[in-house]
N, C-alpha and C. Protein backbone atom coordinates (compact mmCIF):
# COMPACT_ATOMS: atom_id res chain seq x y z
N TYR A 1 0.85 -1.26 -0.08
CA TYR A 1 0.14 -0.06 -0.04
C TYR A 1 0.79 1.16 0.00
N ILE A 2 0.70 2.65 -0.46
CA ILE A 2 1.18 3.36 -1.07
C ILE A 2 0.83 3.94 0.62
N VAL A 3 1.77 5.15 1.32
CA VAL A 3 2.11 5.28 2.54
C VAL A 3 0.80 6.79 2.13
N GLY A 4 -0.04 7.08 3.19
CA GLY A 4 -1.16 7.80 3.03
C GLY A 4 -1.71 8.23 2.20
N VAL A 5 -1.95 7.14 1.30
CA VAL A 5 -3.36 6.91 0.64
C VAL A 5 -3.88 5.64 1.06
N VAL A 6 -5.75 5.87 1.59
CA VAL A 6 -6.82 5.17 1.98
C VAL A 6 -6.86 4.12 0.87
N PRO A 7 -6.72 2.68 1.06
CA PRO A 7 -7.02 1.68 0.27
C PRO A 7 -8.61 1.80 -0.30
N ARG A 8 -8.84 1.37 -1.33
CA ARG A 8 -10.34 1.52 -1.78
C ARG A 8 -10.66 0.35 -0.56
N ALA A 9 -10.55 -0.59 -0.69
CA ALA A 9 -11.31 -1.38 0.47
C ALA A 9 -11.43 -1.50 1.59
N ASN A 10 -12.15 -0.57 2.02
CA ASN A 10 -12.44 -0.65 3.76
C ASN A 10 -13.69 -0.03 4.28
N PHE A 11 -13.73 -0.01 5.34
CA PHE A 11 -15.52 0.48 5.74
C PHE A 11 -15.87 1.69 6.71
N ASP A 12 -14.99 3.04 6.17
CA ASP A 12 -15.05 3.98 6.61
C ASP A 12 -15.68 5.12 6.03
N ASN A 13 -16.72 4.56 5.33
CA ASN A 13 -18.28 5.36 4.83
C ASN A 13 -18.84 4.28 4.14
N MET A 14 -20.34 4.58 3.96
CA MET A 14 -21.19 3.27 3.70
C MET A 14 -20.61 2.83 2.17
N ALA A 15 -20.35 4.08 1.19
CA ALA A 15 -20.33 3.43 -0.09
C ALA A 15 -19.08 2.17 0.02
N PHE A 16 -18.22 3.02 0.24
CA PHE A 16 -17.00 1.87 0.19
C PHE A 16 -17.05 0.36 1.17
N ALA A 17 -17.65 0.73 2.42
CA ALA A 17 -18.25 -0.41 2.82
C ALA A 17 -19.21 -1.37 2.06
N SER A 18 -19.93 -0.78 1.47
CA SER A 18 -20.97 -1.38 0.42
C SER A 18 -20.00 -1.94 -0.69
N LEU A 19 -19.25 -1.68 -1.31
CA LEU A 19 -18.27 -1.87 -2.27
C LEU A 19 -17.62 -2.81 -1.63
N THR A 20 -16.96 -3.25 -0.41
CA THR A 20 -16.15 -3.61 0.16
C THR A 20 -17.01 -5.31 0.58
N VAL A 21 -17.95 -4.86 0.81
CA VAL A 21 -19.07 -6.37 1.08
C VAL A 21 -19.11 -7.02 -0.16
N PHE A 22 -19.44 -6.01 -1.36
CA PHE A 22 -19.89 -7.24 -2.72
C PHE A 22 -18.31 -7.47 -3.14
N GLN A 23 -17.17 -6.90 -2.84
CA GLN A 23 -15.69 -7.78 -3.26
C GLN A 23 -15.70 -8.61 -2.16
N LEU A 24 -16.18 -9.07 -0.78
CA LEU A 24 -16.03 -10.20 -0.64
C LEU A 24 -17.27 -11.53 -0.83
N LEU A 25 -18.41 -10.72 -1.04
CA LEU A 25 -19.52 -11.50 -1.97
C LEU A 25 -18.63 -12.78 -2.68
N THR A 26 -18.27 -11.97 -3.92
CA THR A 26 -17.32 -12.39 -5.13
C THR A 26 -16.67 -13.36 -4.82
N THR A 27 -15.60 -13.21 -3.50
CA THR A 27 -14.61 -13.67 -3.13
C THR A 27 -13.29 -13.23 -4.29
N SER A 28 -13.78 -11.87 -4.37
CA SER A 28 -12.29 -11.62 -5.45
C SER A 28 -11.44 -10.68 -4.58
N ASP A 29 -10.53 -11.31 -4.41
CA ASP A 29 -8.73 -10.68 -3.73
C ASP A 29 -9.45 -10.43 -2.19
N ILE A 30 -9.59 -11.33 -1.45
CA ILE A 30 -10.17 -11.52 0.02
C ILE A 30 -9.55 -11.06 0.57
N GLY A 31 -8.01 -11.62 0.55
CA GLY A 31 -6.70 -11.30 0.69
C GLY A 31 -6.88 -9.51 1.17
N ASP A 32 -6.62 -8.97 -0.03
CA ASP A 32 -6.85 -7.56 0.06
C ASP A 32 -7.93 -6.85 1.22
N VAL A 33 -8.60 -7.62 1.70
CA VAL A 33 -9.03 -6.80 2.82
C VAL A 33 -9.22 -7.77 4.01
N LEU A 34 -8.99 -8.58 4.07
CA LEU A 34 -8.60 -9.35 5.37
C LEU A 34 -7.49 -9.19 5.92
N PHE A 35 -6.83 -9.10 5.38
CA PHE A 35 -5.03 -9.28 5.78
C PHE A 35 -4.93 -7.62 6.83
N PRO A 36 -5.26 -6.88 5.96
CA PRO A 36 -5.48 -5.77 6.90
C PRO A 36 -6.16 -5.30 7.97
N ALA A 37 -7.75 -5.74 7.85
CA ALA A 37 -8.33 -6.10 8.57
C ALA A 37 -7.66 -6.74 10.07
N MET A 38 -7.12 -7.85 9.88
CA MET A 38 -6.24 -8.66 10.61
C MET A 38 -5.42 -7.65 11.12
N ARG A 39 -4.68 -7.22 11.11
CA ARG A 39 -3.14 -6.76 11.34
C ARG A 39 -3.74 -5.54 12.44
N ALA A 40 -4.76 -4.83 11.75
CA ALA A 40 -5.04 -3.08 12.65
C ALA A 40 -6.31 -4.26 13.79
N THR A 41 -7.09 -5.35 13.53
CA THR A 41 -7.94 -5.80 14.82
C THR A 41 -7.90 -7.02 15.55
N GLY A 42 -7.33 -7.42 14.82
CA GLY A 42 -6.83 -8.89 15.18
C GLY A 42 -7.55 -10.50 14.24
N ALA A 43 -7.06 -11.40 15.38
CA ALA A 43 -7.70 -12.41 14.57
C ALA A 43 -9.32 -12.52 14.75
N PHE A 44 -10.21 -11.80 15.52
CA PHE A 44 -11.36 -11.73 15.19
C PHE A 44 -12.09 -11.09 13.89
N SER A 45 -11.14 -10.29 13.05
CA SER A 45 -11.80 -9.55 12.09
C SER A 45 -11.66 -11.34 10.83
N ALA A 46 -11.31 -12.19 11.17
CA ALA A 46 -10.90 -13.40 10.04
C ALA A 46 -12.87 -14.23 10.34
N SER A 47 -12.66 -14.24 11.45
CA SER A 47 -14.03 -15.41 12.14
C SER A 47 -15.70 -14.12 11.23
N TYR A 48 -15.49 -12.49 11.21
CA TYR A 48 -15.83 -11.64 10.63
C TYR A 48 -16.68 -11.73 9.14
N PHE A 49 -14.93 -12.21 8.56
CA PHE A 49 -15.26 -11.97 7.32
C PHE A 49 -15.59 -13.55 6.27
N VAL A 50 -15.07 -15.03 7.35
CA VAL A 50 -15.83 -16.18 7.07
C VAL A 50 -17.28 -15.98 7.35
N SER A 51 -17.56 -15.55 8.26
CA SER A 51 -18.92 -15.64 8.06
C SER A 51 -19.99 -14.48 7.44
N LEU A 52 -19.61 -13.39 7.21
CA LEU A 52 -20.01 -12.76 6.13
C LEU A 52 -19.82 -13.52 4.39
N ILE A 53 -19.06 -14.13 4.63
CA ILE A 53 -19.19 -14.81 3.26
C ILE A 53 -19.62 -15.82 2.93
N VAL A 54 -19.77 -16.70 3.97
CA VAL A 54 -20.59 -17.87 4.17
C VAL A 54 -22.30 -17.23 4.14
N LEU A 55 -22.33 -16.49 5.02
CA LEU A 55 -24.21 -15.89 5.08
C LEU A 55 -24.53 -15.46 4.13
N GLY A 56 -23.57 -14.42 2.97
CA GLY A 56 -24.14 -13.67 1.99
C GLY A 56 -24.05 -14.59 0.99
N ASN A 57 -23.22 -15.24 0.94
CA ASN A 57 -23.21 -16.11 -0.09
C ASN A 57 -24.55 -17.33 -0.59
N PHE A 58 -25.12 -17.58 1.23
CA PHE A 58 -26.15 -18.35 1.27
C PHE A 58 -27.38 -17.25 0.71
N MET A 59 -27.55 -16.11 1.43
CA MET A 59 -28.30 -15.18 0.89
C MET A 59 -29.26 -14.98 -0.68
N LEU A 60 -27.36 -15.17 -1.30
CA LEU A 60 -27.58 -14.68 -2.54
C LEU A 60 -27.91 -16.09 -3.32
N LEU A 61 -27.24 -17.49 -3.11
CA LEU A 61 -28.30 -18.49 -3.48
C LEU A 61 -29.69 -18.47 -3.47
N ASN A 62 -30.15 -18.45 -2.17
CA ASN A 62 -31.46 -18.24 -2.11
C ASN A 62 -32.21 -17.41 -2.59
N LEU A 63 -31.91 -16.21 -2.93
CA LEU A 63 -32.45 -15.20 -3.85
C LEU A 63 -32.34 -15.64 -4.95
N PHE A 64 -31.64 -15.94 -5.80
CA PHE A 64 -31.62 -16.73 -7.22
C PHE A 64 -32.49 -17.82 -7.27
N LEU A 65 -32.12 -18.57 -6.08
CA LEU A 65 -33.40 -19.85 -6.55
C LEU A 65 -34.68 -18.99 -6.34
N ALA A 66 -35.03 -18.29 -5.28
CA ALA A 66 -36.46 -18.01 -5.81
C ALA A 66 -37.10 -17.27 -6.86
N ILE A 67 -35.56 -16.64 -7.40
CA ILE A 67 -35.88 -15.89 -8.51
C ILE A 67 -36.75 -16.79 -9.42
N ILE A 68 -35.91 -17.79 -10.03
CA ILE A 68 -35.93 -19.10 -10.74
C ILE A 68 -36.88 -19.23 -10.25
N ILE A 69 -37.17 -19.55 -9.34
CA ILE A 69 -38.45 -20.80 -8.94
C ILE A 69 -40.06 -20.20 -9.32
N THR A 70 -39.83 -18.79 -9.02
CA THR A 70 -40.87 -17.85 -9.20
C THR A 70 -41.15 -17.90 -10.87
N GLY A 71 -40.23 -17.70 -11.53
CA GLY A 71 -40.09 -18.04 -13.06
C GLY A 71 -40.42 -19.15 -13.41
N PHE A 72 -40.65 -20.49 -13.27
CA PHE A 72 -41.30 -22.09 -13.35
C PHE A 72 -42.30 -21.72 -12.80
N SER A 73 -43.56 -21.34 -11.91
CA SER A 73 -44.38 -21.41 -11.60
C SER A 73 -45.10 -20.24 -12.28
N GLU A 74 -44.96 -19.63 -12.49
CA GLU A 74 -45.23 -18.77 -13.56
C GLU A 74 -46.02 -19.34 -14.84
N THR A 75 -44.41 -19.88 -15.46
CA THR A 75 -44.29 -20.08 -16.62
C THR A 75 -45.56 -21.67 -16.39
N LYS A 76 -45.30 -21.98 -15.70
CA LYS A 76 -46.52 -23.46 -15.01
C LYS A 76 -47.75 -22.66 -15.37
N ALA A 77 -48.37 -21.89 -14.93
CA ALA A 77 -49.40 -21.55 -14.37
C ALA A 77 -50.00 -20.85 -16.08
N GLN A 78 -48.78 -20.20 -16.64
CA GLN A 78 -49.00 -19.72 -18.04
C GLN A 78 -49.71 -20.85 -19.02
N VAL A 79 -48.84 -21.94 -19.07
CA VAL A 79 -49.04 -23.15 -19.79
C VAL A 79 -50.38 -23.92 -19.54
N LEU A 80 -50.68 -24.12 -18.00
CA LEU A 80 -52.12 -24.45 -17.59
C LEU A 80 -53.21 -23.66 -18.57
N LYS A 81 -52.84 -22.30 -18.36
CA LYS A 81 -53.78 -21.62 -18.66
C LYS A 81 -53.93 -21.50 -20.01
N GLU A 82 -53.51 -21.54 -21.05
CA GLU A 82 -53.46 -21.99 -22.24
C GLU A 82 -53.93 -23.35 -22.66
N GLU A 83 -53.29 -24.38 -21.83
CA GLU A 83 -53.71 -25.85 -21.88
C GLU A 83 -55.62 -25.74 -21.69
N ARG A 84 -56.17 -25.03 -20.71
CA ARG A 84 -57.50 -24.96 -20.14
C ARG A 84 -58.32 -24.06 -21.44
N GLU A 85 -58.24 -23.33 -21.82
CA GLU A 85 -58.22 -22.76 -23.45
C GLU A 85 -58.24 -22.82 -24.43
N ASN A 86 -57.50 -24.30 -24.77
CA ASN A 86 -57.27 -24.98 -25.78
C ASN A 86 -58.41 -25.88 -25.47
N GLN A 87 -58.38 -26.76 -24.68
CA GLN A 87 -59.56 -27.60 -24.60
C GLN A 87 -61.10 -26.66 -24.51
N ARG A 88 -61.20 -25.80 -23.99
CA ARG A 88 -62.68 -25.13 -23.84
C ARG A 88 -62.60 -24.62 -25.65
N MET A 89 -61.71 -24.26 -26.62
CA MET A 89 -61.94 -24.11 -27.93
C MET A 89 -61.83 -25.41 -28.51
N ILE A 90 -61.42 -26.64 -28.12
CA ILE A 90 -61.96 -27.75 -29.00
C ILE A 90 -63.56 -28.10 -28.26
N GLU A 91 -63.70 -28.11 -27.44
CA GLU A 91 -64.82 -28.70 -26.88
C GLU A 91 -65.56 -27.75 -27.79
N GLN A 92 -65.92 -26.66 -28.28
CA GLN A 92 -66.63 -25.81 -29.03
C GLN A 92 -66.70 -25.90 -30.03
N ASP A 93 -65.75 -26.34 -30.63
CA ASP A 93 -65.66 -26.62 -31.87
C ASP A 93 -66.26 -27.96 -32.17
N LYS A 94 -66.02 -28.99 -30.85
CA LYS A 94 -66.89 -30.14 -31.60
C LYS A 94 -68.38 -29.96 -31.47
N LEU A 95 -68.98 -29.02 -30.40
CA LEU A 95 -70.04 -28.54 -30.30
C LEU A 95 -70.84 -28.11 -31.78
N ARG A 96 -70.25 -27.26 -32.16
CA ARG A 96 -70.30 -26.79 -33.64
C ARG A 96 -70.76 -27.63 -34.45
N LYS A 97 -69.55 -28.42 -34.59
CA LYS A 97 -69.70 -29.86 -35.50
C LYS A 97 -71.06 -30.83 -35.52
N ALA A 98 -71.59 -30.70 -34.15
CA ALA A 98 -72.45 -31.36 -33.89
C ALA A 98 -73.42 -30.87 -34.67
N GLN A 99 -74.17 -29.36 -33.93
CA GLN A 99 -74.73 -28.80 -34.34
C GLN A 99 -74.87 -28.34 -36.07
N SER A 100 -73.53 -28.85 -36.58
CA SER A 100 -73.48 -28.50 -38.24
C SER A 100 -74.54 -30.14 -38.82
N ILE A 101 -74.23 -30.99 -38.32
CA ILE A 101 -74.21 -32.08 -38.80
C ILE A 101 -75.73 -32.28 -38.29
N ALA A 102 -76.09 -32.25 -36.83
CA ALA A 102 -77.94 -31.93 -36.50
C ALA A 102 -78.64 -31.13 -37.79
N HIS A 103 -78.08 -30.03 -38.18
CA HIS A 103 -78.54 -28.82 -38.85
C HIS A 103 -79.23 -29.98 -40.87
N THR A 104 -77.84 -30.03 -40.54
CA THR A 104 -77.88 -30.41 -42.06
C THR A 104 -78.75 -32.03 -42.31
N LEU A 105 -78.66 -32.84 -41.07
CA LEU A 105 -79.89 -33.77 -41.31
C LEU A 105 -81.27 -33.49 -41.58
N SER A 106 -81.27 -32.09 -40.51
CA SER A 106 -82.67 -31.92 -40.47
C SER A 106 -82.91 -31.60 -42.10
N LEU A 107 -82.33 -30.54 -42.03
CA LEU A 107 -82.78 -29.93 -43.65
C LEU A 107 -82.67 -31.26 -44.70
N GLY A 108 -82.26 -32.23 -44.88
CA GLY A 108 -82.05 -33.36 -45.54
C GLY A 108 -83.35 -34.27 -45.70
N GLY A 109 -84.38 -33.97 -44.79
CA GLY A 109 -84.83 -34.91 -44.53
C GLY A 109 -84.86 -35.93 -44.23
N GLY A 110 -84.23 -36.38 -43.58
CA GLY A 110 -84.01 -37.71 -42.80
C GLY A 110 -83.53 -39.09 -43.30
N GLY A 111 -84.67 -39.44 -44.66
CA GLY A 111 -84.75 -40.50 -45.38
C GLY A 111 -84.57 -40.30 -46.90
N GLY A 112 -83.81 -40.71 -47.25
CA GLY A 112 -83.65 -40.52 -48.73
C GLY A 112 -83.96 -41.77 -49.51
N GLY A 113 -84.48 -42.20 -49.59
CA GLY A 113 -84.54 -43.43 -50.85
C GLY A 113 -85.99 -43.77 -51.58
N GLY A 114 -85.97 -44.17 -52.31
CA GLY A 114 -87.31 -44.62 -53.26
C GLY A 114 -87.26 -44.52 -54.31
């Protein structure tokens, strides 16, 4: 580190703290944050970082799974709706055909030979 320059990964204000937590959750350059924190505060900071990474990644995994499951349930509901609509249209078509046949038979007189 350069003397007199504050590193980007710090917890001095909310913006840098959010960026640092994001960096830790992506497990990108953990050592750049972990080792200076251990030098400044002691070994307790290592347990903080490990718990932050484990719990944070668990929460992100649950978030992504919830989004995926919601997408699948919406798709399934849409498919079921389309299937009900198709079934209704098929039954209406059958009814029209039956009415058309009945109408044709009634116009033809019903008997024909002689």
